Amino acid sequence: MQELPNIFLIGPMGTGKSTIGRLLAAELRRVFYDSDHEIERRCGCNIPWIFDVEGESGFRDRETRTIDRLTRHRGVVMATGGGAIIREANRRMLQERGTVIYLHASLEQLVKRTSRDRNRPLLQCEDPAARLRELMAQRESLYLETADLIVSTERRSPRSVINTIKRDVRQLMDPLNHEP
């Protein structure tokens, strides 16, 4: 059987990209990268600090360099930040260097999953639900345009999501010979 390609997870914050990515990589015996964690590791500071000091554009510059570096590896699973798809260069690198999977969940689930997380600078506002709704309105079409596959994480266990990803990626690679 043909080896699975690089797998890149995109989607809004709170869809489970990091959790699913880490577990999927372990199951496939691959290296896992989280682009946000790699940015923090290389910078030596957290993302809210980068936003405070460099602004969103400074963070996005770091993100683009990180995505370029990480997508050049072979046999990896990578979770991206929710806004990684904003830049056309990032979308192109992801599409050209692997299979892109859009992890999707309802706004209600996203709000529930992110409500207590203080490490999300874009949600440090008076109405995080309204901000998430606004971000989704801006980004949904970019997620859809970039993705090879769309997988819902809505009220699903990580195991169920991982099984769907493995099945769908194999089917995408060879639509004539796939498991039902």
N, C-alpha and C. Protein backbone atom coordinates (compact mmCIF):
# COMPACT_ATOMS: atom_id res chain seq x y z
N MET A 1 0.83 -1.19 0.00
CA MET A 1 0.00 0.00 0.00
C MET A 1 0.87 1.24 0.00
N GLN A 2 0.46 2.24 -0.73
CA GLN A 2 1.16 3.51 -0.83
C GLN A 2 1.17 4.21 0.53
N GLU A 3 2.33 4.82 0.86
CA GLU A 3 2.45 5.53 2.13
C GLU A 3 1.57 6.77 2.13
N LEU A 4 0.96 7.04 3.28
CA LEU A 4 0.13 8.23 3.41
C LEU A 4 0.99 9.48 3.28
N PRO A 5 0.44 10.52 2.69
CA PRO A 5 1.18 11.77 2.54
C PRO A 5 1.27 12.51 3.87
N ASN A 6 2.00 13.63 3.87
CA ASN A 6 1.93 14.53 5.01
C ASN A 6 0.47 14.88 5.24
N ILE A 7 0.10 15.03 6.50
CA ILE A 7 -1.28 15.39 6.83
C ILE A 7 -1.24 16.70 7.62
N PHE A 8 -1.95 17.70 7.09
CA PHE A 8 -2.00 19.02 7.70
C PHE A 8 -3.42 19.32 8.13
N LEU A 9 -3.59 19.65 9.40
CA LEU A 9 -4.91 19.93 9.96
C LEU A 9 -5.13 21.43 10.05
N ILE A 10 -6.23 21.88 9.49
CA ILE A 10 -6.62 23.28 9.55
C ILE A 10 -8.00 23.37 10.19
N GLY A 11 -8.37 24.57 10.59
CA GLY A 11 -9.69 24.79 11.16
C GLY A 11 -9.61 25.82 12.26
N PRO A 12 -10.76 26.27 12.71
CA PRO A 12 -10.77 27.29 13.77
C PRO A 12 -10.26 26.75 15.09
N MET A 13 -9.90 27.68 15.97
CA MET A 13 -9.47 27.28 17.31
C MET A 13 -10.62 26.53 17.99
N GLY A 14 -10.25 25.46 18.68
CA GLY A 14 -11.25 24.69 19.41
C GLY A 14 -11.77 23.47 18.68
N THR A 15 -11.30 23.20 17.47
CA THR A 15 -11.79 22.02 16.76
C THR A 15 -11.04 20.75 17.14
N GLY A 16 -9.94 20.90 17.86
CA GLY A 16 -9.20 19.72 18.30
C GLY A 16 -8.00 19.39 17.43
N LYS A 17 -7.51 20.35 16.68
CA LYS A 17 -6.39 20.09 15.76
C LYS A 17 -5.17 19.53 16.49
N SER A 18 -4.80 20.12 17.61
CA SER A 18 -3.61 19.66 18.34
C SER A 18 -3.82 18.28 18.94
N THR A 19 -4.96 18.07 19.56
CA THR A 19 -5.25 16.77 20.17
C THR A 19 -5.33 15.67 19.12
N ILE A 20 -6.11 15.90 18.09
CA ILE A 20 -6.26 14.91 17.02
C ILE A 20 -4.93 14.67 16.33
N GLY A 21 -4.21 15.76 16.04
CA GLY A 21 -2.93 15.63 15.35
C GLY A 21 -1.93 14.80 16.13
N ARG A 22 -1.81 15.07 17.41
CA ARG A 22 -0.87 14.33 18.26
C ARG A 22 -1.21 12.84 18.28
N LEU A 23 -2.49 12.52 18.46
CA LEU A 23 -2.91 11.11 18.52
C LEU A 23 -2.77 10.42 17.16
N LEU A 24 -3.12 11.13 16.09
CA LEU A 24 -2.99 10.57 14.74
C LEU A 24 -1.53 10.29 14.42
N ALA A 25 -0.65 11.22 14.74
CA ALA A 25 0.78 11.02 14.48
C ALA A 25 1.31 9.81 15.25
N ALA A 26 0.91 9.67 16.50
CA ALA A 26 1.36 8.52 17.30
C ALA A 26 0.89 7.22 16.67
N GLU A 27 -0.35 7.20 16.23
CA GLU A 27 -0.89 5.98 15.62
C GLU A 27 -0.20 5.64 14.30
N LEU A 28 0.14 6.66 13.54
CA LEU A 28 0.80 6.45 12.24
C LEU A 28 2.32 6.36 12.37
N ARG A 29 2.81 6.50 13.61
CA ARG A 29 4.25 6.50 13.89
C ARG A 29 4.97 7.59 13.08
N ARG A 30 4.43 8.78 13.22
CA ARG A 30 4.98 9.95 12.53
C ARG A 30 5.35 11.03 13.53
N VAL A 31 6.13 11.95 13.06
CA VAL A 31 6.45 13.12 13.87
C VAL A 31 5.25 14.06 13.84
N PHE A 32 4.92 14.63 14.99
CA PHE A 32 3.83 15.60 15.07
C PHE A 32 4.40 16.98 15.33
N TYR A 33 3.88 17.95 14.59
CA TYR A 33 4.20 19.36 14.82
C TYR A 33 2.91 20.13 15.03
N ASP A 34 2.97 21.07 15.95
CA ASP A 34 1.91 22.05 16.12
C ASP A 34 2.57 23.37 15.78
N SER A 35 2.13 24.02 14.72
CA SER A 35 2.83 25.23 14.26
C SER A 35 2.87 26.31 15.34
N ASP A 36 1.80 26.46 16.11
CA ASP A 36 1.81 27.46 17.18
C ASP A 36 2.84 27.12 18.25
N HIS A 37 2.93 25.86 18.63
CA HIS A 37 3.91 25.46 19.64
C HIS A 37 5.33 25.62 19.13
N GLU A 38 5.54 25.36 17.84
CA GLU A 38 6.86 25.55 17.25
C GLU A 38 7.26 27.02 17.24
N ILE A 39 6.30 27.89 16.98
CA ILE A 39 6.58 29.34 17.02
C ILE A 39 6.99 29.73 18.43
N GLU A 40 6.25 29.27 19.43
CA GLU A 40 6.58 29.58 20.83
C GLU A 40 7.95 29.02 21.22
N ARG A 41 8.23 27.82 20.78
CA ARG A 41 9.50 27.18 21.12
C ARG A 41 10.67 27.96 20.54
N ARG A 42 10.56 28.33 19.28
CA ARG A 42 11.65 29.05 18.62
C ARG A 42 11.80 30.48 19.14
N CYS A 43 10.70 31.09 19.50
CA CYS A 43 10.72 32.47 19.97
C CYS A 43 11.09 32.57 21.45
N GLY A 44 10.77 31.52 22.19
CA GLY A 44 11.03 31.54 23.62
C GLY A 44 9.99 32.34 24.40
N CYS A 45 8.85 32.57 23.78
CA CYS A 45 7.77 33.30 24.45
C CYS A 45 6.44 32.79 23.92
N ASN A 46 5.36 33.13 24.62
CA ASN A 46 4.06 32.61 24.20
C ASN A 46 3.40 33.52 23.16
N ILE A 47 2.38 32.99 22.53
CA ILE A 47 1.71 33.70 21.44
C ILE A 47 1.07 35.01 21.90
N PRO A 48 0.41 35.06 23.07
CA PRO A 48 -0.12 36.36 23.50
C PRO A 48 0.98 37.43 23.59
N TRP A 49 2.17 37.05 24.05
CA TRP A 49 3.27 38.01 24.13
C TRP A 49 3.66 38.49 22.74
N ILE A 50 3.75 37.56 21.78
CA ILE A 50 4.09 37.94 20.40
C ILE A 50 3.06 38.92 19.86
N PHE A 51 1.78 38.65 20.09
CA PHE A 51 0.72 39.55 19.65
C PHE A 51 0.88 40.93 20.28
N ASP A 52 1.18 40.95 21.58
CA ASP A 52 1.34 42.22 22.29
C ASP A 52 2.51 43.04 21.74
N VAL A 53 3.62 42.38 21.49
CA VAL A 53 4.85 43.08 21.09
C VAL A 53 4.93 43.33 19.58
N GLU A 54 4.57 42.32 18.79
CA GLU A 54 4.75 42.41 17.34
C GLU A 54 3.44 42.62 16.59
N GLY A 55 2.33 42.50 17.29
CA GLY A 55 1.03 42.60 16.62
C GLY A 55 0.71 41.33 15.86
N GLU A 56 -0.51 41.29 15.33
CA GLU A 56 -0.91 40.10 14.58
C GLU A 56 -0.05 39.91 13.35
N SER A 57 0.33 41.00 12.67
CA SER A 57 1.12 40.85 11.44
C SER A 57 2.50 40.24 11.75
N GLY A 58 3.11 40.62 12.88
CA GLY A 58 4.38 40.02 13.26
C GLY A 58 4.23 38.54 13.54
N PHE A 59 3.15 38.19 14.21
CA PHE A 59 2.88 36.78 14.46
C PHE A 59 2.68 36.03 13.15
N ARG A 60 1.90 36.61 12.23
CA ARG A 60 1.64 35.94 10.95
C ARG A 60 2.92 35.75 10.14
N ASP A 61 3.86 36.69 10.23
CA ASP A 61 5.16 36.51 9.55
C ASP A 61 5.88 35.29 10.12
N ARG A 62 5.90 35.19 11.44
CA ARG A 62 6.53 34.02 12.08
C ARG A 62 5.82 32.73 11.67
N GLU A 63 4.49 32.79 11.61
CA GLU A 63 3.69 31.62 11.25
C GLU A 63 4.03 31.15 9.84
N THR A 64 4.14 32.07 8.90
CA THR A 64 4.45 31.70 7.52
C THR A 64 5.83 31.05 7.43
N ARG A 65 6.82 31.59 8.11
CA ARG A 65 8.16 30.98 8.10
C ARG A 65 8.12 29.59 8.71
N THR A 66 7.36 29.43 9.78
CA THR A 66 7.26 28.14 10.46
C THR A 66 6.56 27.11 9.57
N ILE A 67 5.47 27.49 8.95
CA ILE A 67 4.75 26.57 8.06
C ILE A 67 5.64 26.17 6.89
N ASP A 68 6.38 27.10 6.34
CA ASP A 68 7.30 26.78 5.24
C ASP A 68 8.32 25.74 5.70
N ARG A 69 8.90 25.94 6.85
CA ARG A 69 9.92 25.02 7.36
C ARG A 69 9.34 23.63 7.64
N LEU A 70 8.20 23.59 8.33
CA LEU A 70 7.64 22.31 8.76
C LEU A 70 7.03 21.51 7.62
N THR A 71 6.45 22.17 6.64
CA THR A 71 5.82 21.44 5.53
C THR A 71 6.84 20.84 4.58
N ARG A 72 8.10 21.21 4.72
CA ARG A 72 9.16 20.62 3.89
C ARG A 72 9.57 19.24 4.38
N HIS A 73 9.21 18.88 5.61
CA HIS A 73 9.51 17.55 6.14
C HIS A 73 8.63 16.52 5.44
N ARG A 74 9.04 15.28 5.50
CA ARG A 74 8.26 14.17 4.94
C ARG A 74 7.70 13.31 6.06
N GLY A 75 6.51 12.78 5.85
CA GLY A 75 5.93 11.85 6.81
C GLY A 75 5.55 12.49 8.13
N VAL A 76 4.93 13.67 8.07
CA VAL A 76 4.56 14.37 9.30
C VAL A 76 3.05 14.59 9.37
N VAL A 77 2.61 14.84 10.58
CA VAL A 77 1.26 15.34 10.84
C VAL A 77 1.47 16.70 11.49
N MET A 78 0.78 17.72 10.99
CA MET A 78 0.93 19.06 11.54
C MET A 78 -0.42 19.70 11.78
N ALA A 79 -0.57 20.27 12.97
CA ALA A 79 -1.74 21.09 13.30
C ALA A 79 -1.33 22.54 13.11
N THR A 80 -2.17 23.31 12.43
CA THR A 80 -1.89 24.73 12.22
C THR A 80 -2.74 25.56 13.17
N GLY A 81 -2.37 26.82 13.31
CA GLY A 81 -3.20 27.74 14.06
C GLY A 81 -4.45 28.06 13.26
N GLY A 82 -5.48 28.52 13.93
CA GLY A 82 -6.76 28.79 13.27
C GLY A 82 -6.68 29.80 12.13
N GLY A 83 -5.74 30.75 12.22
CA GLY A 83 -5.63 31.78 11.19
C GLY A 83 -4.57 31.51 10.15
N ALA A 84 -3.97 30.34 10.16
CA ALA A 84 -2.89 30.04 9.22
C ALA A 84 -3.32 30.19 7.76
N ILE A 85 -4.60 29.96 7.50
CA ILE A 85 -5.08 29.98 6.11
C ILE A 85 -5.35 31.39 5.60
N ILE A 86 -5.16 32.39 6.44
CA ILE A 86 -5.40 33.77 6.01
C ILE A 86 -4.47 34.15 4.86
N ARG A 87 -3.22 33.74 4.96
CA ARG A 87 -2.24 34.08 3.93
C ARG A 87 -2.25 33.07 2.80
N GLU A 88 -2.30 33.59 1.60
CA GLU A 88 -2.34 32.75 0.40
C GLU A 88 -1.09 31.86 0.33
N ALA A 89 0.06 32.39 0.72
CA ALA A 89 1.30 31.60 0.69
C ALA A 89 1.19 30.37 1.57
N ASN A 90 0.58 30.52 2.74
CA ASN A 90 0.39 29.37 3.64
C ASN A 90 -0.54 28.34 3.01
N ARG A 91 -1.63 28.80 2.44
CA ARG A 91 -2.59 27.87 1.80
C ARG A 91 -1.89 27.09 0.70
N ARG A 92 -1.10 27.78 -0.10
CA ARG A 92 -0.41 27.13 -1.21
C ARG A 92 0.58 26.08 -0.70
N MET A 93 1.39 26.44 0.32
CA MET A 93 2.36 25.47 0.85
C MET A 93 1.67 24.22 1.39
N LEU A 94 0.59 24.43 2.13
CA LEU A 94 -0.14 23.29 2.69
C LEU A 94 -0.68 22.39 1.58
N GLN A 95 -1.29 22.99 0.57
CA GLN A 95 -1.89 22.21 -0.52
C GLN A 95 -0.83 21.47 -1.34
N GLU A 96 0.30 22.10 -1.58
CA GLU A 96 1.33 21.50 -2.42
C GLU A 96 2.14 20.43 -1.72
N ARG A 97 2.16 20.44 -0.39
CA ARG A 97 3.08 19.58 0.33
C ARG A 97 2.42 18.50 1.17
N GLY A 98 1.10 18.32 1.01
CA GLY A 98 0.44 17.27 1.77
C GLY A 98 -1.06 17.28 1.56
N THR A 99 -1.73 16.47 2.34
CA THR A 99 -3.18 16.41 2.33
C THR A 99 -3.69 17.32 3.45
N VAL A 100 -4.60 18.22 3.09
CA VAL A 100 -5.11 19.21 4.04
C VAL A 100 -6.50 18.78 4.51
N ILE A 101 -6.65 18.68 5.82
CA ILE A 101 -7.92 18.26 6.40
C ILE A 101 -8.47 19.39 7.26
N TYR A 102 -9.66 19.80 6.93
CA TYR A 102 -10.37 20.85 7.67
C TYR A 102 -11.17 20.17 8.76
N LEU A 103 -10.77 20.39 10.01
CA LEU A 103 -11.54 19.90 11.15
C LEU A 103 -12.60 20.94 11.47
N HIS A 104 -13.83 20.50 11.50
CA HIS A 104 -14.97 21.40 11.61
C HIS A 104 -15.80 21.07 12.85
N ALA A 105 -16.32 22.11 13.49
CA ALA A 105 -17.26 21.96 14.61
C ALA A 105 -18.17 23.18 14.60
N SER A 106 -19.32 23.05 15.25
CA SER A 106 -20.27 24.16 15.30
C SER A 106 -19.73 25.30 16.15
N LEU A 107 -20.27 26.48 15.93
CA LEU A 107 -19.89 27.64 16.72
C LEU A 107 -20.13 27.37 18.22
N GLU A 108 -21.23 26.73 18.52
CA GLU A 108 -21.55 26.40 19.92
C GLU A 108 -20.45 25.55 20.55
N GLN A 109 -19.97 24.55 19.83
CA GLN A 109 -18.88 23.70 20.33
C GLN A 109 -17.59 24.48 20.48
N LEU A 110 -17.30 25.35 19.51
CA LEU A 110 -16.07 26.14 19.57
C LEU A 110 -16.07 27.06 20.79
N VAL A 111 -17.18 27.69 21.04
CA VAL A 111 -17.29 28.58 22.20
C VAL A 111 -17.08 27.77 23.48
N LYS A 112 -17.73 26.63 23.56
CA LYS A 112 -17.62 25.78 24.74
C LYS A 112 -16.18 25.32 24.97
N ARG A 113 -15.49 24.93 23.89
CA ARG A 113 -14.14 24.40 24.00
C ARG A 113 -13.08 25.47 24.28
N THR A 114 -13.35 26.72 23.92
CA THR A 114 -12.34 27.77 24.08
C THR A 114 -12.65 28.74 25.21
N SER A 115 -13.76 28.58 25.89
CA SER A 115 -14.24 29.59 26.84
C SER A 115 -13.29 29.91 27.98
N ARG A 116 -12.47 28.98 28.40
CA ARG A 116 -11.59 29.23 29.54
C ARG A 116 -10.11 29.34 29.16
N ASP A 117 -9.83 29.32 27.87
CA ASP A 117 -8.44 29.33 27.40
C ASP A 117 -7.94 30.76 27.27
N ARG A 118 -7.00 31.14 28.10
CA ARG A 118 -6.45 32.51 28.09
C ARG A 118 -5.27 32.65 27.13
N ASN A 119 -4.92 31.58 26.43
CA ASN A 119 -3.78 31.60 25.51
C ASN A 119 -4.23 31.87 24.07
N ARG A 120 -5.42 32.44 23.91
CA ARG A 120 -5.95 32.74 22.57
C ARG A 120 -6.19 34.24 22.48
N PRO A 121 -5.19 34.98 21.99
CA PRO A 121 -5.28 36.45 22.02
C PRO A 121 -6.48 37.02 21.29
N LEU A 122 -6.91 36.38 20.22
CA LEU A 122 -8.05 36.93 19.46
C LEU A 122 -9.37 36.80 20.20
N LEU A 123 -9.40 35.98 21.26
CA LEU A 123 -10.64 35.81 22.03
C LEU A 123 -10.63 36.56 23.35
N GLN A 124 -9.59 37.34 23.59
CA GLN A 124 -9.54 38.13 24.82
C GLN A 124 -10.28 39.44 24.58
N CYS A 125 -11.59 39.32 24.58
CA CYS A 125 -12.46 40.46 24.29
C CYS A 125 -13.74 40.31 25.11
N GLU A 126 -14.62 41.28 24.98
CA GLU A 126 -15.84 41.29 25.77
C GLU A 126 -16.81 40.16 25.39
N ASP A 127 -16.86 39.83 24.09
CA ASP A 127 -17.80 38.82 23.62
C ASP A 127 -17.09 37.79 22.73
N PRO A 128 -16.44 36.80 23.35
CA PRO A 128 -15.70 35.81 22.57
C PRO A 128 -16.56 35.05 21.54
N ALA A 129 -17.83 34.80 21.87
CA ALA A 129 -18.71 34.10 20.93
C ALA A 129 -18.91 34.93 19.67
N ALA A 130 -19.13 36.23 19.83
CA ALA A 130 -19.29 37.11 18.67
C ALA A 130 -17.99 37.16 17.87
N ARG A 131 -16.86 37.18 18.56
CA ARG A 131 -15.57 37.21 17.86
C ARG A 131 -15.35 35.93 17.08
N LEU A 132 -15.68 34.77 17.66
CA LEU A 132 -15.57 33.50 16.94
C LEU A 132 -16.48 33.49 15.71
N ARG A 133 -17.68 34.01 15.86
CA ARG A 133 -18.62 34.07 14.74
C ARG A 133 -18.03 34.94 13.61
N GLU A 134 -17.44 36.06 14.00
CA GLU A 134 -16.81 36.97 13.04
C GLU A 134 -15.63 36.29 12.32
N LEU A 135 -14.78 35.60 13.10
CA LEU A 135 -13.64 34.90 12.51
C LEU A 135 -14.09 33.82 11.54
N MET A 136 -15.13 33.08 11.91
CA MET A 136 -15.64 32.04 11.03
C MET A 136 -16.20 32.63 9.74
N ALA A 137 -16.88 33.76 9.84
CA ALA A 137 -17.42 34.41 8.65
C ALA A 137 -16.27 34.82 7.71
N GLN A 138 -15.16 35.25 8.27
CA GLN A 138 -14.01 35.66 7.47
C GLN A 138 -13.24 34.47 6.90
N ARG A 139 -13.19 33.38 7.63
CA ARG A 139 -12.27 32.29 7.29
C ARG A 139 -12.89 31.04 6.68
N GLU A 140 -14.18 30.84 6.87
CA GLU A 140 -14.82 29.59 6.43
C GLU A 140 -14.53 29.27 4.96
N SER A 141 -14.67 30.25 4.09
CA SER A 141 -14.45 29.99 2.66
C SER A 141 -12.99 29.62 2.39
N LEU A 142 -12.06 30.16 3.17
CA LEU A 142 -10.64 29.82 3.00
C LEU A 142 -10.35 28.39 3.47
N TYR A 143 -10.99 27.99 4.58
CA TYR A 143 -10.84 26.60 5.03
C TYR A 143 -11.34 25.65 3.94
N LEU A 144 -12.51 25.95 3.41
CA LEU A 144 -13.11 25.08 2.40
C LEU A 144 -12.28 25.04 1.12
N GLU A 145 -11.76 26.19 0.72
CA GLU A 145 -10.94 26.28 -0.50
C GLU A 145 -9.63 25.50 -0.36
N THR A 146 -9.08 25.48 0.84
CA THR A 146 -7.77 24.88 1.08
C THR A 146 -7.85 23.37 1.29
N ALA A 147 -8.94 22.90 1.84
CA ALA A 147 -9.05 21.50 2.29
C ALA A 147 -9.23 20.50 1.17
N ASP A 148 -8.55 19.37 1.35
CA ASP A 148 -8.81 18.20 0.51
C ASP A 148 -9.97 17.40 1.09
N LEU A 149 -10.09 17.43 2.41
CA LEU A 149 -11.13 16.69 3.13
C LEU A 149 -11.68 17.55 4.25
N ILE A 150 -12.94 17.33 4.59
CA ILE A 150 -13.57 18.00 5.72
C ILE A 150 -14.04 16.91 6.68
N VAL A 151 -13.63 17.02 7.94
CA VAL A 151 -14.01 16.03 8.95
C VAL A 151 -14.59 16.77 10.15
N SER A 152 -15.77 16.37 10.55
CA SER A 152 -16.42 16.98 11.71
C SER A 152 -15.84 16.40 13.00
N THR A 153 -15.62 17.28 13.98
CA THR A 153 -15.22 16.84 15.31
C THR A 153 -16.37 17.04 16.30
N GLU A 154 -17.51 17.41 15.78
CA GLU A 154 -18.69 17.72 16.59
C GLU A 154 -19.14 16.50 17.39
N ARG A 155 -19.04 16.61 18.71
CA ARG A 155 -19.51 15.56 19.63
C ARG A 155 -18.99 14.17 19.24
N ARG A 156 -17.72 14.13 18.82
CA ARG A 156 -17.10 12.86 18.43
C ARG A 156 -15.85 12.64 19.25
N SER A 157 -15.54 11.39 19.51
CA SER A 157 -14.32 11.07 20.24
C SER A 157 -13.12 11.24 19.31
N PRO A 158 -11.96 11.51 19.88
CA PRO A 158 -10.76 11.57 19.04
C PRO A 158 -10.55 10.30 18.22
N ARG A 159 -10.82 9.13 18.80
CA ARG A 159 -10.66 7.85 18.10
C ARG A 159 -11.53 7.82 16.84
N SER A 160 -12.76 8.25 16.95
CA SER A 160 -13.67 8.26 15.81
C SER A 160 -13.17 9.21 14.72
N VAL A 161 -12.69 10.38 15.12
CA VAL A 161 -12.19 11.35 14.15
C VAL A 161 -10.94 10.79 13.44
N ILE A 162 -10.04 10.19 14.20
CA ILE A 162 -8.82 9.62 13.62
C ILE A 162 -9.16 8.51 12.63
N ASN A 163 -10.09 7.63 12.99
CA ASN A 163 -10.48 6.56 12.07
C ASN A 163 -11.05 7.13 10.77
N THR A 164 -11.85 8.18 10.88
CA THR A 164 -12.41 8.83 9.68
C THR A 164 -11.30 9.43 8.83
N ILE A 165 -10.35 10.10 9.46
CA ILE A 165 -9.24 10.71 8.71
C ILE A 165 -8.45 9.64 7.97
N LYS A 166 -8.08 8.57 8.66
CA LYS A 166 -7.29 7.50 8.01
C LYS A 166 -8.05 6.92 6.83
N ARG A 167 -9.31 6.62 7.01
CA ARG A 167 -10.13 6.05 5.94
C ARG A 167 -10.22 7.02 4.76
N ASP A 168 -10.53 8.28 5.05
CA ASP A 168 -10.75 9.26 3.98
C ASP A 168 -9.47 9.60 3.23
N VAL A 169 -8.34 9.65 3.93
CA VAL A 169 -7.07 9.93 3.25
C VAL A 169 -6.71 8.76 2.34
N ARG A 170 -6.89 7.54 2.83
CA ARG A 170 -6.61 6.37 1.96
C ARG A 170 -7.52 6.36 0.74
N GLN A 171 -8.77 6.69 0.93
CA GLN A 171 -9.71 6.74 -0.19
C GLN A 171 -9.32 7.85 -1.17
N LEU A 172 -8.88 8.95 -0.66
CA LEU A 172 -8.44 10.07 -1.51
C LEU A 172 -7.25 9.66 -2.35
N MET A 173 -6.34 8.87 -1.76
CA MET A 173 -5.14 8.41 -2.47
C MET A 173 -5.47 7.39 -3.53
N ASP A 174 -6.42 6.53 -3.27
CA ASP A 174 -6.76 5.45 -4.19
C ASP A 174 -8.27 5.18 -4.13
N PRO A 175 -9.06 5.98 -4.82
CA PRO A 175 -10.51 5.86 -4.71
C PRO A 175 -11.09 4.53 -5.18
N LEU A 176 -10.32 3.74 -5.92
CA LEU A 176 -10.85 2.47 -6.41
C LEU A 176 -10.62 1.32 -5.44
N ASN A 177 -9.61 1.46 -4.58
CA ASN A 177 -9.29 0.39 -3.63
C ASN A 177 -9.27 0.93 -2.21
N HIS A 178 -10.43 1.04 -1.60
CA HIS A 178 -10.48 1.55 -0.25
C HIS A 178 -11.41 0.69 0.60
N GLU A 179 -11.17 0.81 1.89
CA GLU A 179 -12.02 0.09 2.84
C GLU A 179 -13.35 0.81 2.92
N PRO A 180 -14.44 0.07 3.04
CA PRO A 180 -15.75 0.72 3.15
C PRO A 180 -15.91 1.48 4.45
